[in-house]
N, C-alpha and C. Protein backbone atom coordinates (compact mmCIF):
# COMPACT_ATOMS: atom_id res chain seq x y z
N UNK A 1 -55.17 64.27 17.01
CA UNK A 1 -53.74 63.94 17.16
C UNK A 1 -53.35 63.19 15.86
N UNK A 2 -52.26 63.66 15.32
CA UNK A 2 -51.72 62.97 14.05
C UNK A 2 -50.34 62.46 14.38
N UNK A 3 -50.15 61.18 14.08
CA UNK A 3 -48.85 60.61 14.21
C UNK A 3 -47.92 61.14 13.13
N UNK A 4 -46.78 61.62 13.46
CA UNK A 4 -45.93 62.33 12.54
C UNK A 4 -45.47 61.41 11.36
N UNK A 5 -45.35 60.08 11.53
CA UNK A 5 -44.96 59.18 10.46
C UNK A 5 -46.11 58.89 9.54
N UNK A 6 -47.37 59.08 10.04
CA UNK A 6 -48.58 58.77 9.22
C UNK A 6 -49.05 59.96 8.45
N UNK A 7 -48.60 61.20 8.75
CA UNK A 7 -49.15 62.39 8.13
C UNK A 7 -48.86 62.45 6.63
N UNK A 8 -47.83 61.74 6.14
CA UNK A 8 -47.48 61.77 4.75
C UNK A 8 -48.60 61.17 3.89
N UNK A 9 -49.43 60.26 4.44
CA UNK A 9 -50.44 59.61 3.65
C UNK A 9 -51.57 60.54 3.27
N UNK A 10 -51.71 61.66 3.98
CA UNK A 10 -52.71 62.69 3.63
C UNK A 10 -52.40 63.30 2.26
N UNK A 11 -51.14 63.48 1.96
CA UNK A 11 -50.73 64.06 0.66
C UNK A 11 -50.35 63.07 -0.34
N UNK A 12 -49.70 62.02 0.03
CA UNK A 12 -49.16 61.01 -0.89
C UNK A 12 -50.02 59.82 -1.16
N UNK A 13 -50.88 59.49 -0.24
CA UNK A 13 -51.78 58.31 -0.39
C UNK A 13 -50.94 57.04 -0.13
N UNK A 14 -51.51 55.93 -0.46
CA UNK A 14 -50.90 54.60 -0.33
C UNK A 14 -50.43 54.09 -1.69
N UNK A 15 -49.26 53.54 -1.70
CA UNK A 15 -48.72 52.98 -2.90
C UNK A 15 -49.68 51.95 -3.46
N UNK A 16 -49.89 52.00 -4.82
CA UNK A 16 -50.87 51.10 -5.39
C UNK A 16 -50.56 49.60 -5.21
N UNK A 17 -49.31 49.26 -5.07
CA UNK A 17 -48.94 47.87 -4.83
C UNK A 17 -49.34 47.47 -3.38
N UNK A 18 -49.19 48.38 -2.47
CA UNK A 18 -49.64 48.15 -1.10
C UNK A 18 -51.15 48.10 -1.05
N UNK A 19 -51.79 48.95 -1.75
CA UNK A 19 -53.27 48.96 -1.74
C UNK A 19 -53.82 47.63 -2.28
N UNK A 20 -53.17 47.08 -3.32
CA UNK A 20 -53.58 45.79 -3.83
C UNK A 20 -53.38 44.66 -2.75
N UNK A 21 -52.29 44.74 -2.08
CA UNK A 21 -52.08 43.73 -0.98
C UNK A 21 -53.10 43.88 0.10
N UNK A 22 -53.42 45.09 0.52
CA UNK A 22 -54.43 45.26 1.52
C UNK A 22 -55.83 44.80 1.07
N UNK A 23 -56.13 45.07 -0.21
CA UNK A 23 -57.39 44.60 -0.81
C UNK A 23 -57.51 43.05 -0.73
N UNK A 24 -56.41 42.41 -1.08
CA UNK A 24 -56.36 40.93 -0.99
C UNK A 24 -56.57 40.40 0.42
N UNK A 25 -55.85 41.07 1.45
CA UNK A 25 -55.87 40.70 2.80
C UNK A 25 -57.31 40.80 3.43
N UNK A 26 -57.96 41.88 3.04
CA UNK A 26 -59.20 42.19 3.75
C UNK A 26 -60.46 42.06 2.89
N UNK A 27 -60.40 41.39 1.69
CA UNK A 27 -61.49 41.35 0.81
C UNK A 27 -62.73 40.60 1.34
N UNK A 28 -62.58 39.62 2.16
CA UNK A 28 -63.71 38.88 2.75
C UNK A 28 -63.95 39.25 4.23
N UNK A 29 -63.48 40.44 4.70
CA UNK A 29 -63.63 40.83 6.04
C UNK A 29 -64.89 41.72 6.13
N UNK A 30 -65.74 41.41 7.13
CA UNK A 30 -66.95 42.21 7.38
C UNK A 30 -67.08 42.50 8.87
N UNK A 31 -67.76 43.52 9.19
CA UNK A 31 -68.07 43.81 10.57
C UNK A 31 -69.63 43.70 10.70
N UNK A 32 -70.04 43.13 11.82
CA UNK A 32 -71.43 42.95 12.14
C UNK A 32 -71.78 43.47 13.49
N UNK A 33 -73.05 43.57 13.76
CA UNK A 33 -73.48 43.93 15.14
C UNK A 33 -72.95 45.32 15.53
N UNK A 34 -72.47 45.37 16.76
CA UNK A 34 -72.09 46.63 17.33
C UNK A 34 -70.85 47.21 16.56
N UNK A 35 -70.08 46.42 15.81
CA UNK A 35 -68.90 46.82 15.15
C UNK A 35 -69.18 47.27 13.73
N UNK A 36 -70.35 47.13 13.21
CA UNK A 36 -70.71 47.53 11.90
C UNK A 36 -71.05 49.01 11.76
N UNK A 37 -70.59 49.67 10.66
CA UNK A 37 -70.96 51.04 10.43
C UNK A 37 -70.72 51.34 8.98
N UNK A 38 -71.63 52.13 8.41
CA UNK A 38 -71.44 52.64 7.01
C UNK A 38 -71.70 54.17 7.04
N UNK A 39 -71.01 54.86 6.15
CA UNK A 39 -71.27 56.31 6.05
C UNK A 39 -72.76 56.65 5.77
N UNK A 40 -73.48 55.82 5.06
CA UNK A 40 -74.87 56.06 4.73
C UNK A 40 -75.83 55.88 5.91
N UNK A 41 -75.30 55.37 7.05
CA UNK A 41 -76.21 55.22 8.19
C UNK A 41 -76.64 56.48 8.81
N UNK A 42 -75.88 57.56 8.57
CA UNK A 42 -76.30 58.88 9.08
C UNK A 42 -75.92 59.07 10.57
N UNK A 43 -75.35 58.09 11.19
CA UNK A 43 -74.97 58.14 12.63
C UNK A 43 -73.52 57.90 12.70
N UNK A 44 -72.78 58.78 13.44
CA UNK A 44 -71.41 58.52 13.60
C UNK A 44 -71.10 57.35 14.59
N UNK A 45 -70.11 56.57 14.38
CA UNK A 45 -69.80 55.46 15.27
C UNK A 45 -69.44 55.94 16.63
N UNK A 46 -69.69 55.12 17.63
CA UNK A 46 -69.41 55.54 19.02
C UNK A 46 -67.90 55.53 19.26
N UNK A 47 -67.42 55.96 20.37
CA UNK A 47 -66.04 55.99 20.64
C UNK A 47 -65.51 54.51 20.63
N UNK A 48 -64.63 54.19 19.77
CA UNK A 48 -64.10 52.87 19.61
C UNK A 48 -63.06 52.49 20.68
N UNK A 49 -62.69 53.37 21.46
CA UNK A 49 -61.60 53.09 22.49
C UNK A 49 -62.07 52.17 23.55
N UNK A 50 -63.43 52.00 23.65
CA UNK A 50 -63.97 51.17 24.75
C UNK A 50 -64.57 49.85 24.18
N UNK A 51 -64.34 49.52 23.00
CA UNK A 51 -64.84 48.28 22.36
C UNK A 51 -63.88 47.15 22.65
N UNK A 52 -64.42 45.95 22.64
CA UNK A 52 -63.64 44.79 22.81
C UNK A 52 -63.21 44.22 21.44
N UNK A 53 -62.03 43.61 21.41
CA UNK A 53 -61.63 42.95 20.18
C UNK A 53 -62.03 41.52 20.24
N UNK A 54 -62.59 41.09 19.10
CA UNK A 54 -63.01 39.62 19.00
C UNK A 54 -62.24 39.02 17.91
N UNK A 55 -62.03 37.70 18.05
CA UNK A 55 -61.35 36.98 17.03
C UNK A 55 -62.42 36.10 16.30
N UNK A 56 -62.32 36.14 14.96
CA UNK A 56 -63.33 35.39 14.15
C UNK A 56 -62.53 34.36 13.32
N UNK A 57 -63.24 33.32 12.92
CA UNK A 57 -62.69 32.29 12.09
C UNK A 57 -62.92 32.62 10.60
N UNK A 58 -61.96 32.27 9.84
CA UNK A 58 -62.14 32.47 8.33
C UNK A 58 -63.10 31.43 7.76
N UNK A 59 -63.85 31.92 6.71
CA UNK A 59 -64.77 30.97 6.11
C UNK A 59 -64.23 30.44 4.78
N UNK A 60 -62.99 30.86 4.44
CA UNK A 60 -62.34 30.42 3.20
C UNK A 60 -61.09 29.59 3.50
N UNK A 61 -60.72 28.79 2.53
CA UNK A 61 -59.53 28.00 2.73
C UNK A 61 -58.27 28.93 2.60
N UNK A 62 -57.22 28.64 3.22
CA UNK A 62 -56.02 29.46 3.29
C UNK A 62 -54.92 28.84 2.42
N UNK A 63 -55.29 28.22 1.32
CA UNK A 63 -54.29 27.60 0.44
C UNK A 63 -53.54 28.66 -0.35
């Protein structure tokens, strides 16, 4: 299923300014345990619709 408003990103990609903002927002974000996955693992992630969302604390100052 493809959301009609998101389909444009397949051809156009993300604006470089937005990509820079996303990089800054998520540069210290990691997943561990059941939520961690890398393409090199060789195993597809399980269905994420049944996972719980957890809140984590930042390890950096927010100045």
